[in-house]
Amino acid sequence: MPERYQVPPVEINLSTDSTVKDLTKIVKQLLIEENEGDEEFEKEIAGRKFNFMINETFLTIDIKELLLQLNISNETCVDINYLFPLEKPKPTKSNPCDEWISSIASLQHILNEKAKSYAVGFFNGDVKVYSSGHAELLNVA
C-alpha cells in the first residue's frame, strides 16, 4: 500500500458479525484521522473500496463464518490486512465466433517464450489456433 493509505498497527475489538463493509468504514476513519485536514484526501478516500484478508484468506463473508472456516477461536487476536481490489480486466482484442468454445489451451513455443498462441476447441469439433499477432492461423476440422 502507498504510505498515504497505511494505518498504524492498532488493536481493535470487533464484533464477529463484522463484514467487509464494516471494516472498510473503520479503515477509512483511521485514514482520515491520519490525514486530518486534507479535504482532497477525504474526498478521494470516500469512494475507495478495500479487500480484507485474515490468515491469507479473503474476507467475503462475516468474520465469524471465516473464523469458523479457518478453525480460529473468536477469542483469538488475528491480523487483518487490507489492500486495494484489482480492477476488472479490460479486453484488448476480440475475435467473434459463431460456435461455443469448449476449451482453450496455451501453446508453448520452443524458440520464443514470449509468443502467445492458443488452441481453441469448439463444440462443433473445430480447432482453431490464435496468436496475439494474428487473428486465425489454422483451422482444423
Foldseek 3Di string as FASTA:
>chain_A
DPPLQDAPDDFDDDDQQDAQVNVLVVSLVRSCVVVPPPVVVNVVSVPFGKWKDWPNHTGPGGNNVVCVVVVHDSVDGTDMDIDGDDDDDDDDDDDDDDFAWDDKDWDADDPDRPWTKIWIATPVGWIWIQTPVGGTDDIDD
